[in-house]
Structures are given as structure tokens and as C-alpha cells.
Amino acid sequence: MNNTMRKKEVYLSLGSNKGDCFKMISQAIQMIASIENVTFIKNSYLYQTSPLSPYPQDDYLNAACLIKTTLFPLSLLNKLQTIERALGQETPYKEQKPRLIDIDILFYEGVELNEKNLTLPHPMWHKRLFVLIPLLDLTETIYLPNQFPFSLRTYLKNFPNKKHQRIVLYTKRRLYA
């Protein structure tokens, strides 16, 4: 019997709107790529986005990345939170407040999960342009557990919250090669 788990595709979302945001996201991507049992595949371009918060704050820089891993979802979450803390992010998060770095697991191949600290797929992914646009840089189709393939491009054509969210390409430079 084979005891090795096949590497699963995982999509992550990264955001920062406090301090040197470009540096924060760059460092986070480098650190993600160095996690044991993680293979970094690619990252999206960077986007400048308006905050979805009632509190006054600076714009965010956002990106997405695709990794493959044999880590289980909660183990991966623990590693990502360790990166956030290493970069200076305070935990627990203060909802809708500025962040040095935020790394979310959006999708973990074939997994639906509803735990106290982690829900997969991410419950808000489909409501946020700052997630959808970078994700589209990585793939046109998301394979949701127990559902048909989901076309991001088709969904974005009819996205309901376009007028309430601003997103601008910040750089076409890839942060990790």
C-alpha cells in the first residue's frame, strides 16, 4: 500500500494594506514557497483594491497563488498563520481593520470543510473582486467539490458588486519565479 499522499492543488489569496505592502506580499510568497511539503506553482499579478470596510483605511495590494501540497488543510493553515505572525501580523485579526499581511486558503482540491478556524471553500471568495481577478490570472475554471466546473470569466461578466469595488492592476511583474 502506498502511504504517500498525492499533492493537492490549493489556491491562496494574499492581501496587505499596512506598511510596505509590496514587500509584505513578496516576502509572504517567498516564505510560502519554502514550506516543507509545498510546491509553489505560480502567482497572479498584483492588484490595488479598495477596502471593503466601514473604517477609513488605505487601499490593499492583493494577489493569489497556486501551490501543491501534501499537507492537510489545517496543517497548511497553521503554517500560513506562522508566516503571518513572522511578518508582524497580530492575531487574532480585528475584523475589517488594516493588515500587514493576510493569507487565506480559498480552495483546497477536493475538500469541503467547516471547522472553527477554517471553512473550505472560503465562504466569501465569490463576493470579492480582489479575490476573483487575481484568481483569474491563475485559472479560468475552479473545480468546486461535488459540483460542476465553475467558470470565473463567465461569473465575472455578471458579477453583482462591480460598482462597489475598485480594482486596478498594480504591476504585471511576477513576484516569484
N, C-alpha and C. Protein backbone atom coordinates (compact mmCIF):
# COMPACT_ATOMS: atom_id res chain seq x y z
N MET A 1 0.85 -1.19 0.00
CA MET A 1 0.00 0.00 0.00
C MET A 1 0.89 1.24 0.00
N ASN A 2 0.50 2.26 -0.75
CA ASN A 2 1.27 3.50 -0.86
C ASN A 2 0.85 4.46 0.24
N ASN A 3 1.80 4.85 1.10
CA ASN A 3 1.49 5.76 2.20
C ASN A 3 1.69 7.23 1.85
N THR A 4 2.07 7.53 0.63
CA THR A 4 2.29 8.93 0.27
C THR A 4 1.01 9.51 -0.32
N MET A 5 0.69 10.69 0.12
CA MET A 5 -0.50 11.38 -0.37
C MET A 5 -0.14 12.15 -1.64
N ARG A 6 -1.03 12.11 -2.62
CA ARG A 6 -0.84 12.89 -3.84
C ARG A 6 -0.94 14.37 -3.49
N LYS A 7 -0.06 15.16 -4.12
CA LYS A 7 -0.12 16.61 -3.88
C LYS A 7 -1.42 17.18 -4.43
N LYS A 8 -2.05 18.00 -3.62
CA LYS A 8 -3.33 18.63 -3.98
C LYS A 8 -3.09 20.08 -4.35
N GLU A 9 -3.88 20.56 -5.33
CA GLU A 9 -3.81 21.97 -5.69
C GLU A 9 -4.55 22.81 -4.65
N VAL A 10 -3.92 23.92 -4.29
CA VAL A 10 -4.50 24.83 -3.31
C VAL A 10 -4.33 26.26 -3.83
N TYR A 11 -5.41 27.01 -3.81
CA TYR A 11 -5.37 28.43 -4.20
C TYR A 11 -5.41 29.28 -2.95
N LEU A 12 -4.49 30.24 -2.89
CA LEU A 12 -4.38 31.15 -1.76
C LEU A 12 -4.64 32.58 -2.20
N SER A 13 -5.13 33.39 -1.29
CA SER A 13 -5.30 34.82 -1.52
C SER A 13 -4.42 35.56 -0.52
N LEU A 14 -3.72 36.60 -1.01
CA LEU A 14 -2.85 37.39 -0.14
C LEU A 14 -3.25 38.86 -0.24
N GLY A 15 -3.21 39.55 0.89
CA GLY A 15 -3.54 40.96 0.90
C GLY A 15 -2.76 41.70 1.97
N SER A 16 -2.53 42.99 1.71
CA SER A 16 -1.83 43.85 2.66
C SER A 16 -2.25 45.29 2.41
N ASN A 17 -2.48 46.05 3.48
CA ASN A 17 -2.74 47.49 3.32
C ASN A 17 -2.12 48.31 4.45
N LYS A 18 -1.05 47.79 5.03
CA LYS A 18 -0.39 48.47 6.14
C LYS A 18 1.12 48.26 5.97
N GLY A 19 1.87 49.34 6.02
CA GLY A 19 3.32 49.22 5.85
C GLY A 19 3.69 49.12 4.38
N ASP A 20 4.81 48.47 4.10
CA ASP A 20 5.28 48.27 2.73
C ASP A 20 4.58 47.04 2.16
N CYS A 21 3.43 47.26 1.55
CA CYS A 21 2.56 46.17 1.10
C CYS A 21 3.23 45.28 0.05
N PHE A 22 3.95 45.90 -0.87
CA PHE A 22 4.64 45.14 -1.91
C PHE A 22 5.65 44.18 -1.26
N LYS A 23 6.41 44.70 -0.32
CA LYS A 23 7.41 43.89 0.38
C LYS A 23 6.74 42.78 1.18
N MET A 24 5.64 43.09 1.85
CA MET A 24 4.93 42.09 2.66
C MET A 24 4.47 40.91 1.80
N ILE A 25 3.83 41.23 0.68
CA ILE A 25 3.33 40.16 -0.19
C ILE A 25 4.48 39.39 -0.81
N SER A 26 5.52 40.09 -1.22
CA SER A 26 6.70 39.42 -1.78
C SER A 26 7.32 38.45 -0.78
N GLN A 27 7.50 38.92 0.46
CA GLN A 27 8.09 38.06 1.50
C GLN A 27 7.18 36.88 1.81
N ALA A 28 5.88 37.13 1.87
CA ALA A 28 4.94 36.04 2.17
C ALA A 28 5.02 34.97 1.09
N ILE A 29 5.08 35.37 -0.17
CA ILE A 29 5.16 34.40 -1.26
C ILE A 29 6.46 33.60 -1.17
N GLN A 30 7.57 34.27 -0.88
CA GLN A 30 8.84 33.57 -0.72
C GLN A 30 8.76 32.55 0.43
N MET A 31 8.13 32.93 1.52
CA MET A 31 8.01 32.05 2.67
C MET A 31 7.07 30.88 2.39
N ILE A 32 6.00 31.13 1.67
CA ILE A 32 5.09 30.05 1.29
C ILE A 32 5.84 29.02 0.44
N ALA A 33 6.62 29.53 -0.50
CA ALA A 33 7.38 28.65 -1.40
C ALA A 33 8.40 27.79 -0.65
N SER A 34 8.79 28.22 0.54
CA SER A 34 9.81 27.47 1.29
C SER A 34 9.21 26.50 2.32
N ILE A 35 7.89 26.43 2.41
CA ILE A 35 7.26 25.50 3.35
C ILE A 35 7.55 24.07 2.90
N GLU A 36 7.97 23.25 3.84
CA GLU A 36 8.21 21.83 3.53
C GLU A 36 6.89 21.17 3.09
N ASN A 37 6.96 20.34 2.08
CA ASN A 37 5.80 19.64 1.51
C ASN A 37 4.88 20.56 0.71
N VAL A 38 5.39 21.72 0.30
CA VAL A 38 4.65 22.64 -0.56
C VAL A 38 5.49 22.89 -1.80
N THR A 39 4.84 22.80 -2.95
CA THR A 39 5.47 23.18 -4.21
C THR A 39 4.76 24.42 -4.72
N PHE A 40 5.52 25.48 -4.89
CA PHE A 40 4.95 26.73 -5.40
C PHE A 40 4.82 26.61 -6.91
N ILE A 41 3.63 26.86 -7.45
CA ILE A 41 3.38 26.74 -8.88
C ILE A 41 3.47 28.10 -9.56
N LYS A 42 2.63 29.04 -9.14
CA LYS A 42 2.67 30.38 -9.74
C LYS A 42 1.83 31.34 -8.91
N ASN A 43 2.07 32.64 -9.16
CA ASN A 43 1.26 33.67 -8.51
C ASN A 43 0.67 34.60 -9.57
N SER A 44 -0.36 35.29 -9.16
CA SER A 44 -1.02 36.26 -10.04
C SER A 44 -0.21 37.54 -10.10
N TYR A 45 -0.70 38.48 -10.88
CA TYR A 45 -0.19 39.83 -10.82
C TYR A 45 -0.67 40.45 -9.51
N LEU A 46 -0.14 41.62 -9.19
CA LEU A 46 -0.59 42.37 -8.00
C LEU A 46 -1.66 43.37 -8.41
N TYR A 47 -2.65 43.54 -7.55
CA TYR A 47 -3.74 44.47 -7.81
C TYR A 47 -3.91 45.41 -6.62
N GLN A 48 -4.18 46.67 -6.93
CA GLN A 48 -4.53 47.63 -5.89
C GLN A 48 -6.04 47.67 -5.81
N THR A 49 -6.57 47.49 -4.60
CA THR A 49 -8.01 47.37 -4.44
C THR A 49 -8.52 48.24 -3.30
N SER A 50 -9.76 48.66 -3.43
CA SER A 50 -10.38 49.45 -2.37
C SER A 50 -10.78 48.52 -1.22
N PRO A 51 -10.62 49.00 0.02
CA PRO A 51 -11.00 48.17 1.17
C PRO A 51 -12.53 48.03 1.25
N LEU A 52 -12.98 46.87 1.69
CA LEU A 52 -14.41 46.63 1.91
C LEU A 52 -14.67 46.75 3.41
N SER A 53 -14.52 47.95 3.91
CA SER A 53 -14.59 48.17 5.35
C SER A 53 -15.28 49.49 5.63
N PRO A 54 -16.05 49.56 6.70
CA PRO A 54 -16.64 50.83 7.10
C PRO A 54 -15.61 51.77 7.74
N TYR A 55 -14.42 51.24 8.07
CA TYR A 55 -13.38 52.03 8.72
C TYR A 55 -12.48 52.67 7.67
N PRO A 56 -12.10 53.94 7.84
CA PRO A 56 -11.18 54.56 6.89
C PRO A 56 -9.82 53.85 6.94
N GLN A 57 -9.30 53.50 5.77
CA GLN A 57 -8.00 52.85 5.68
C GLN A 57 -7.49 52.92 4.26
N ASP A 58 -6.20 52.61 4.11
CA ASP A 58 -5.55 52.65 2.80
C ASP A 58 -6.02 51.50 1.92
N ASP A 59 -5.78 51.67 0.61
CA ASP A 59 -6.05 50.60 -0.34
C ASP A 59 -5.20 49.38 -0.01
N TYR A 60 -5.64 48.25 -0.49
CA TYR A 60 -4.91 47.00 -0.35
C TYR A 60 -4.10 46.72 -1.61
N LEU A 61 -3.06 45.91 -1.45
CA LEU A 61 -2.46 45.19 -2.56
C LEU A 61 -2.90 43.75 -2.37
N ASN A 62 -3.35 43.13 -3.47
CA ASN A 62 -3.83 41.76 -3.41
C ASN A 62 -3.20 40.92 -4.51
N ALA A 63 -3.05 39.65 -4.22
CA ALA A 63 -2.56 38.68 -5.19
C ALA A 63 -3.15 37.32 -4.83
N ALA A 64 -2.99 36.38 -5.73
CA ALA A 64 -3.37 35.00 -5.47
C ALA A 64 -2.21 34.12 -5.88
N CYS A 65 -2.14 32.93 -5.32
CA CYS A 65 -1.12 31.99 -5.78
C CYS A 65 -1.66 30.58 -5.74
N LEU A 66 -1.03 29.77 -6.55
CA LEU A 66 -1.36 28.35 -6.65
C LEU A 66 -0.17 27.56 -6.12
N ILE A 67 -0.46 26.66 -5.20
CA ILE A 67 0.56 25.76 -4.68
C ILE A 67 0.03 24.34 -4.81
N LYS A 68 0.92 23.38 -4.64
CA LYS A 68 0.55 21.97 -4.48
C LYS A 68 1.16 21.51 -3.18
N THR A 69 0.41 20.71 -2.43
CA THR A 69 0.90 20.28 -1.13
C THR A 69 0.35 18.93 -0.72
N THR A 70 1.08 18.27 0.16
CA THR A 70 0.60 17.06 0.81
C THR A 70 0.14 17.36 2.23
N LEU A 71 0.29 18.60 2.66
CA LEU A 71 -0.19 18.98 3.99
C LEU A 71 -1.71 18.95 4.02
N PHE A 72 -2.26 18.53 5.13
CA PHE A 72 -3.70 18.58 5.30
C PHE A 72 -4.11 20.04 5.50
N PRO A 73 -5.37 20.39 5.21
CA PRO A 73 -5.79 21.79 5.27
C PRO A 73 -5.47 22.52 6.57
N LEU A 74 -5.76 21.91 7.72
CA LEU A 74 -5.50 22.61 8.98
C LEU A 74 -4.00 22.75 9.26
N SER A 75 -3.20 21.80 8.80
CA SER A 75 -1.75 21.92 8.94
C SER A 75 -1.23 23.05 8.06
N LEU A 76 -1.75 23.15 6.85
CA LEU A 76 -1.37 24.25 5.96
C LEU A 76 -1.78 25.58 6.57
N LEU A 77 -2.98 25.67 7.09
CA LEU A 77 -3.44 26.90 7.74
C LEU A 77 -2.48 27.30 8.86
N ASN A 78 -2.06 26.34 9.67
CA ASN A 78 -1.12 26.62 10.75
C ASN A 78 0.18 27.20 10.21
N LYS A 79 0.70 26.64 9.13
CA LYS A 79 1.95 27.14 8.52
C LYS A 79 1.75 28.56 7.99
N LEU A 80 0.61 28.83 7.37
CA LEU A 80 0.34 30.17 6.82
C LEU A 80 0.19 31.20 7.94
N GLN A 81 -0.45 30.81 9.03
CA GLN A 81 -0.58 31.72 10.17
C GLN A 81 0.78 31.98 10.82
N THR A 82 1.66 30.99 10.80
CA THR A 82 3.02 31.19 11.31
C THR A 82 3.75 32.23 10.45
N ILE A 83 3.55 32.17 9.14
CA ILE A 83 4.14 33.18 8.24
C ILE A 83 3.58 34.56 8.55
N GLU A 84 2.27 34.66 8.72
CA GLU A 84 1.65 35.95 9.05
C GLU A 84 2.26 36.54 10.33
N ARG A 85 2.39 35.72 11.34
CA ARG A 85 2.97 36.20 12.61
C ARG A 85 4.43 36.59 12.43
N ALA A 86 5.18 35.80 11.66
CA ALA A 86 6.60 36.11 11.42
C ALA A 86 6.77 37.45 10.70
N LEU A 87 5.78 37.82 9.90
CA LEU A 87 5.82 39.09 9.18
C LEU A 87 5.22 40.24 10.00
N GLY A 88 4.79 39.95 11.23
CA GLY A 88 4.34 41.00 12.13
C GLY A 88 2.84 41.16 12.26
N GLN A 89 2.06 40.30 11.62
CA GLN A 89 0.61 40.41 11.73
C GLN A 89 0.16 39.94 13.10
N GLU A 90 -0.63 40.78 13.75
CA GLU A 90 -1.18 40.42 15.05
C GLU A 90 -2.34 39.45 14.86
N THR A 91 -2.43 38.49 15.76
CA THR A 91 -3.59 37.60 15.75
C THR A 91 -4.17 37.61 17.16
N PRO A 92 -5.43 37.44 17.38
CA PRO A 92 -6.42 37.25 16.33
C PRO A 92 -6.67 38.54 15.55
N TYR A 93 -7.19 38.37 14.36
CA TYR A 93 -7.47 39.51 13.49
C TYR A 93 -8.58 40.37 14.07
N LYS A 94 -8.46 41.64 13.80
CA LYS A 94 -9.57 42.54 14.09
C LYS A 94 -10.32 42.70 12.77
N GLU A 95 -11.54 42.25 12.74
CA GLU A 95 -12.35 42.23 11.53
C GLU A 95 -12.37 43.59 10.84
N GLN A 96 -12.08 43.58 9.56
CA GLN A 96 -12.13 44.74 8.67
C GLN A 96 -11.18 45.88 9.06
N LYS A 97 -10.14 45.57 9.79
CA LYS A 97 -9.12 46.56 10.14
C LYS A 97 -7.91 46.38 9.23
N PRO A 98 -7.04 47.40 9.12
CA PRO A 98 -5.84 47.28 8.28
C PRO A 98 -4.98 46.09 8.70
N ARG A 99 -4.31 45.50 7.70
CA ARG A 99 -3.49 44.32 7.96
C ARG A 99 -2.13 44.43 7.30
N LEU A 100 -1.11 44.02 8.03
CA LEU A 100 0.22 43.91 7.43
C LEU A 100 0.21 42.84 6.35
N ILE A 101 -0.36 41.69 6.67
CA ILE A 101 -0.45 40.59 5.71
C ILE A 101 -1.63 39.70 6.10
N ASP A 102 -2.35 39.26 5.10
CA ASP A 102 -3.45 38.33 5.30
C ASP A 102 -3.31 37.25 4.23
N ILE A 103 -3.25 36.01 4.65
CA ILE A 103 -3.15 34.88 3.72
C ILE A 103 -4.34 33.96 3.99
N ASP A 104 -5.18 33.80 3.00
CA ASP A 104 -6.35 32.94 3.12
C ASP A 104 -6.26 31.75 2.18
N ILE A 105 -6.72 30.61 2.64
CA ILE A 105 -6.89 29.45 1.77
C ILE A 105 -8.26 29.61 1.12
N LEU A 106 -8.27 29.70 -0.21
CA LEU A 106 -9.53 29.85 -0.94
C LEU A 106 -10.14 28.49 -1.26
N PHE A 107 -9.32 27.64 -1.87
CA PHE A 107 -9.75 26.32 -2.31
C PHE A 107 -8.65 25.32 -2.03
N TYR A 108 -9.05 24.14 -1.59
CA TYR A 108 -8.14 23.03 -1.40
C TYR A 108 -8.77 21.87 -2.18
N GLU A 109 -8.06 21.40 -3.19
CA GLU A 109 -8.59 20.42 -4.14
C GLU A 109 -9.37 19.29 -3.47
N GLY A 110 -10.65 19.19 -3.87
CA GLY A 110 -11.49 18.09 -3.41
C GLY A 110 -11.98 18.16 -1.98
N VAL A 111 -11.75 19.29 -1.30
CA VAL A 111 -12.08 19.37 0.13
C VAL A 111 -13.17 20.39 0.40
N GLU A 112 -14.17 19.93 1.15
CA GLU A 112 -15.14 20.81 1.77
C GLU A 112 -14.92 20.66 3.27
N LEU A 113 -14.86 21.78 3.97
CA LEU A 113 -14.52 21.73 5.38
C LEU A 113 -15.24 22.86 6.09
N ASN A 114 -15.74 22.57 7.28
CA ASN A 114 -16.38 23.61 8.08
C ASN A 114 -15.94 23.43 9.53
N GLU A 115 -14.74 23.94 9.81
CA GLU A 115 -14.17 23.87 11.15
C GLU A 115 -14.22 25.26 11.77
N LYS A 116 -13.94 25.35 13.06
CA LYS A 116 -13.96 26.64 13.75
C LYS A 116 -13.02 27.65 13.09
N ASN A 117 -11.81 27.21 12.72
CA ASN A 117 -10.79 28.12 12.18
C ASN A 117 -10.67 28.11 10.67
N LEU A 118 -11.40 27.22 9.99
CA LEU A 118 -11.22 27.11 8.55
C LEU A 118 -12.48 26.56 7.89
N THR A 119 -12.96 27.31 6.90
CA THR A 119 -14.06 26.85 6.06
C THR A 119 -13.56 26.80 4.63
N LEU A 120 -13.77 25.66 3.98
CA LEU A 120 -13.35 25.49 2.59
C LEU A 120 -14.51 24.96 1.76
N PRO A 121 -14.67 25.49 0.55
CA PRO A 121 -14.01 26.68 0.03
C PRO A 121 -14.27 27.89 0.92
N HIS A 122 -13.40 28.90 0.78
CA HIS A 122 -13.55 30.13 1.56
C HIS A 122 -14.96 30.67 1.35
N PRO A 123 -15.68 31.00 2.41
CA PRO A 123 -17.09 31.37 2.27
C PRO A 123 -17.35 32.68 1.52
N MET A 124 -16.37 33.55 1.38
CA MET A 124 -16.60 34.85 0.75
C MET A 124 -15.92 35.00 -0.62
N TRP A 125 -15.29 33.95 -1.13
CA TRP A 125 -14.48 34.07 -2.35
C TRP A 125 -15.27 34.65 -3.52
N HIS A 126 -16.51 34.28 -3.66
CA HIS A 126 -17.32 34.67 -4.83
C HIS A 126 -17.90 36.08 -4.72
N LYS A 127 -17.68 36.76 -3.60
CA LYS A 127 -18.22 38.11 -3.40
C LYS A 127 -17.15 39.19 -3.49
N ARG A 128 -15.91 38.81 -3.77
CA ARG A 128 -14.80 39.76 -3.68
C ARG A 128 -14.00 39.83 -4.98
N LEU A 129 -14.05 40.99 -5.61
CA LEU A 129 -13.25 41.18 -6.82
C LEU A 129 -11.76 41.01 -6.53
N PHE A 130 -11.32 41.41 -5.34
CA PHE A 130 -9.90 41.31 -5.00
C PHE A 130 -9.45 39.86 -4.88
N VAL A 131 -10.38 38.93 -4.84
CA VAL A 131 -10.07 37.50 -4.91
C VAL A 131 -10.24 37.00 -6.34
N LEU A 132 -11.34 37.35 -6.96
CA LEU A 132 -11.69 36.81 -8.27
C LEU A 132 -10.73 37.21 -9.39
N ILE A 133 -10.36 38.48 -9.45
CA ILE A 133 -9.50 38.95 -10.54
C ILE A 133 -8.10 38.31 -10.46
N PRO A 134 -7.43 38.33 -9.30
CA PRO A 134 -6.14 37.63 -9.24
C PRO A 134 -6.27 36.12 -9.52
N LEU A 135 -7.35 35.52 -9.05
CA LEU A 135 -7.59 34.10 -9.29
C LEU A 135 -7.69 33.81 -10.79
N LEU A 136 -8.30 34.72 -11.52
CA LEU A 136 -8.44 34.55 -12.96
C LEU A 136 -7.08 34.58 -13.67
N ASP A 137 -6.09 35.23 -13.08
CA ASP A 137 -4.73 35.19 -13.64
C ASP A 137 -4.16 33.76 -13.59
N LEU A 138 -4.65 32.96 -12.66
CA LEU A 138 -4.11 31.62 -12.44
C LEU A 138 -4.91 30.52 -13.14
N THR A 139 -6.21 30.71 -13.25
CA THR A 139 -7.07 29.70 -13.84
C THR A 139 -8.38 30.33 -14.30
N GLU A 140 -8.98 29.75 -15.31
CA GLU A 140 -10.30 30.23 -15.75
C GLU A 140 -11.42 29.41 -15.12
N THR A 141 -11.07 28.24 -14.59
CA THR A 141 -12.08 27.33 -14.07
C THR A 141 -11.67 26.84 -12.69
N ILE A 142 -12.62 26.90 -11.79
CA ILE A 142 -12.44 26.36 -10.45
C ILE A 142 -13.28 25.09 -10.36
N TYR A 143 -12.70 24.06 -9.77
CA TYR A 143 -13.41 22.81 -9.59
C TYR A 143 -13.84 22.72 -8.13
N LEU A 144 -15.09 23.08 -7.89
CA LEU A 144 -15.63 23.07 -6.54
C LEU A 144 -16.01 21.64 -6.17
N PRO A 145 -15.81 21.25 -4.92
CA PRO A 145 -16.16 19.89 -4.50
C PRO A 145 -17.64 19.58 -4.77
N ASN A 146 -17.88 18.43 -5.34
CA ASN A 146 -19.25 17.93 -5.58
C ASN A 146 -20.09 18.83 -6.48
N GLN A 147 -19.43 19.61 -7.35
CA GLN A 147 -20.17 20.47 -8.27
C GLN A 147 -19.51 20.43 -9.64
N PHE A 148 -20.18 21.04 -10.58
CA PHE A 148 -19.61 21.15 -11.92
C PHE A 148 -18.49 22.19 -11.92
N PRO A 149 -17.63 22.16 -12.93
CA PRO A 149 -16.60 23.21 -13.03
C PRO A 149 -17.24 24.60 -13.04
N PHE A 150 -16.58 25.54 -12.39
CA PHE A 150 -17.10 26.91 -12.24
C PHE A 150 -16.24 27.85 -13.07
N SER A 151 -16.85 28.51 -14.06
CA SER A 151 -16.13 29.44 -14.93
C SER A 151 -16.03 30.82 -14.28
N LEU A 152 -14.82 31.21 -13.94
CA LEU A 152 -14.62 32.53 -13.34
C LEU A 152 -14.96 33.66 -14.31
N ARG A 153 -14.53 33.51 -15.56
CA ARG A 153 -14.77 34.55 -16.57
C ARG A 153 -16.28 34.79 -16.76
N THR A 154 -17.04 33.72 -16.86
CA THR A 154 -18.49 33.85 -17.02
C THR A 154 -19.11 34.50 -15.80
N TYR A 155 -18.69 34.09 -14.62
CA TYR A 155 -19.21 34.67 -13.39
C TYR A 155 -18.90 36.15 -13.30
N LEU A 156 -17.69 36.55 -13.68
CA LEU A 156 -17.30 37.96 -13.58
C LEU A 156 -18.08 38.86 -14.54
N LYS A 157 -18.54 38.32 -15.63
CA LYS A 157 -19.35 39.12 -16.57
C LYS A 157 -20.61 39.63 -15.90
N ASN A 158 -21.13 38.88 -14.96
CA ASN A 158 -22.38 39.25 -14.28
C ASN A 158 -22.17 39.50 -12.78
N PHE A 159 -20.93 39.81 -12.41
CA PHE A 159 -20.62 40.00 -11.00
C PHE A 159 -21.48 41.10 -10.39
N PRO A 160 -22.20 40.79 -9.31
CA PRO A 160 -23.17 41.75 -8.77
C PRO A 160 -22.59 42.98 -8.07
N ASN A 161 -21.37 42.92 -7.57
CA ASN A 161 -20.85 44.02 -6.75
C ASN A 161 -19.79 44.85 -7.45
N LYS A 162 -19.74 44.85 -8.78
CA LYS A 162 -18.69 45.57 -9.52
C LYS A 162 -18.64 47.05 -9.18
N LYS A 163 -19.79 47.67 -9.02
CA LYS A 163 -19.83 49.12 -8.80
C LYS A 163 -19.34 49.51 -7.40
N HIS A 164 -19.30 48.56 -6.50
CA HIS A 164 -18.93 48.86 -5.11
C HIS A 164 -17.49 48.51 -4.78
N GLN A 165 -16.78 47.94 -5.75
CA GLN A 165 -15.40 47.53 -5.50
C GLN A 165 -14.51 48.03 -6.63
N ARG A 166 -13.39 48.63 -6.26
CA ARG A 166 -12.44 49.13 -7.25
C ARG A 166 -11.21 48.25 -7.23
N ILE A 167 -10.77 47.88 -8.44
CA ILE A 167 -9.56 47.06 -8.55
C ILE A 167 -8.78 47.52 -9.77
N VAL A 168 -7.47 47.76 -9.58
CA VAL A 168 -6.61 48.28 -10.63
C VAL A 168 -5.33 47.44 -10.65
N LEU A 169 -4.86 47.09 -11.83
CA LEU A 169 -3.61 46.34 -11.95
C LEU A 169 -2.48 47.20 -11.38
N TYR A 170 -1.74 46.66 -10.44
CA TYR A 170 -0.64 47.38 -9.80
C TYR A 170 0.67 47.11 -10.53
N THR A 171 0.94 45.85 -10.83
CA THR A 171 2.14 45.50 -11.59
C THR A 171 1.94 44.16 -12.27
N LYS A 172 2.53 44.04 -13.45
CA LYS A 172 2.50 42.76 -14.15
C LYS A 172 3.74 41.94 -13.83
N ARG A 173 4.53 42.43 -12.92
CA ARG A 173 5.74 41.71 -12.50
C ARG A 173 5.35 40.55 -11.58
N ARG A 174 5.81 39.37 -11.91
CA ARG A 174 5.57 38.20 -11.07
C ARG A 174 6.53 38.27 -9.89
N LEU A 175 6.06 37.94 -8.71
CA LEU A 175 6.87 38.09 -7.51
C LEU A 175 7.75 36.88 -7.23
N TYR A 176 7.44 35.76 -7.85
CA TYR A 176 8.22 34.55 -7.59
C TYR A 176 8.38 33.81 -8.89
N ALA A 177 9.59 33.43 -9.21
CA ALA A 177 9.82 32.72 -10.48
C ALA A 177 10.25 31.31 -10.22
